Amino acid sequence: MTEGWWDLAPKACETLLKGALAARFYYVFAVDYTRGGEWSGRSLMCTRDSEFTIRGIEDCLARGYDRNGFFEVDTGEQKSWTIQLTDPNRAEAPAKP
């Protein structure tokens, strides 16, 4: 099942899935509509432009959905997991003590 979209503020920390994780592997696709760019991968799944919950990853276009590549996150069977999306083209300022 694929779900989306969540509108997140830059540099914010948000909980998208509440409770203990139910699987080891999760897949992420994100788009920065403000500055441009996206976080994607090779695992193709169905999406659409508005909020969605889509069952199945086959025949996306034939079923009227878009298809995007998601990247895989291996949680190592942890009960909770945090992922930070950063801009790979922008150098971050060094952390201050």
Protein backbone atom coordinates (compact mmCIF):
# COMPACT_ATOMS: atom_id res chain seq x y z
CA MET A 1 0.00 0.00 0.00
CA THR A 2 1.27 3.49 -0.81
CA GLU A 3 0.06 6.61 0.98
CA GLY A 4 0.69 10.31 0.49
CA TRP A 5 1.00 13.25 0.67
CA TRP A 6 2.16 14.93 3.85
CA ASP A 7 3.03 18.62 3.78
CA LEU A 8 6.09 19.13 6.00
CA ALA A 9 7.73 22.39 6.96
CA PRO A 10 11.48 22.71 6.24
CA LYS A 11 13.65 21.66 9.21
CA ALA A 12 10.58 20.30 11.03
CA CYS A 13 10.32 16.90 12.66
CA GLU A 14 7.02 15.16 11.99
CA THR A 15 5.60 11.76 12.94
CA LEU A 16 4.04 10.21 9.84
CA LEU A 17 3.35 6.72 11.14
CA LYS A 18 2.06 6.44 14.68
CA GLY A 19 2.76 3.40 16.86
CA ALA A 20 5.22 0.57 16.43
CA LEU A 21 6.48 -0.19 12.94
CA ALA A 22 4.73 -3.16 11.35
CA ALA A 23 7.41 -4.08 8.79
CA ARG A 24 11.18 -4.05 8.36
CA PHE A 25 11.25 -2.29 4.99
CA TYR A 26 9.58 1.02 4.16
CA TYR A 27 9.74 3.03 0.96
CA VAL A 28 10.01 6.81 0.63
CA PHE A 29 9.43 9.27 -2.19
CA ALA A 30 9.48 12.98 -1.39
CA VAL A 31 9.28 16.18 -3.40
CA ASP A 32 10.40 19.68 -2.41
CA TYR A 33 7.89 21.89 -4.21
CA THR A 34 9.33 25.08 -2.69
CA ARG A 35 12.98 24.80 -3.73
CA GLY A 36 12.71 21.98 -6.25
CA GLY A 37 14.16 18.50 -6.17
CA GLU A 38 13.08 15.11 -4.94
CA TRP A 39 14.21 12.05 -3.00
CA SER A 40 13.52 8.94 -5.07
CA GLY A 41 14.78 5.47 -5.85
CA ARG A 42 14.29 2.39 -8.01
CA SER A 43 11.22 0.80 -6.40
CA LEU A 44 8.31 1.86 -8.60
CA MET A 45 4.98 2.45 -6.88
CA CYS A 46 1.69 4.17 -7.63
CA THR A 47 1.03 7.78 -6.59
CA ARG A 48 -1.25 10.64 -7.55
CA ASP A 49 -1.18 14.43 -7.23
CA SER A 50 -3.66 14.67 -4.35
CA GLU A 51 -3.94 12.77 -1.06
CA PHE A 52 -4.05 9.02 -1.68
CA THR A 53 -4.08 5.49 -0.32
CA ILE A 54 -3.44 3.00 -3.11
CA ARG A 55 -3.36 -0.77 -2.76
CA GLY A 56 -1.02 -2.63 -5.09
CA ILE A 57 1.95 -1.43 -7.11
CA GLU A 58 1.09 -2.97 -10.46
CA ASP A 59 -0.46 -1.33 -13.53
CA CYS A 60 -0.28 2.18 -12.04
CA LEU A 61 -0.83 4.03 -15.32
CA ALA A 62 -3.60 1.68 -16.50
CA ARG A 63 -5.41 2.25 -13.18
CA GLY A 64 -5.23 6.04 -13.60
CA TYR A 65 -2.33 6.70 -11.22
CA ASP A 66 1.13 8.16 -11.64
CA ARG A 67 4.21 6.02 -11.04
CA ASN A 68 7.25 7.17 -9.07
CA GLY A 69 10.44 5.57 -7.82
CA PHE A 70 10.77 5.17 -4.04
CA PHE A 71 13.95 4.47 -2.09
CA GLU A 72 14.07 1.59 0.36
CA VAL A 73 14.61 2.10 4.09
CA ASP A 74 15.73 -0.95 6.09
CA THR A 75 14.66 -0.35 9.70
CA GLY A 76 16.45 -3.50 10.89
CA GLU A 77 13.24 -4.65 12.61
CA GLN A 78 13.30 -1.70 15.01
CA LYS A 79 9.99 -0.62 16.58
CA SER A 80 10.56 3.05 15.68
CA TRP A 81 12.67 4.82 13.07
CA THR A 82 13.58 8.37 12.14
CA ILE A 83 14.71 9.45 8.70
CA GLN A 84 16.11 12.86 7.84
CA LEU A 85 15.80 14.16 4.30
CA THR A 86 18.57 16.60 3.46
CA ASP A 87 19.46 18.53 0.33
CA PRO A 88 22.41 16.68 -1.22
CA ASN A 89 23.39 19.76 -3.25
CA ARG A 90 23.63 22.13 -0.31
CA ALA A 91 26.44 22.09 2.23
CA GLU A 92 25.14 22.33 5.76
CA ALA A 93 26.78 24.70 8.21
CA PRO A 94 28.90 22.86 10.78
CA ALA A 95 27.18 22.13 14.08
CA LYS A 96 27.98 24.52 16.88
CA PRO A 97 28.92 23.20 20.32
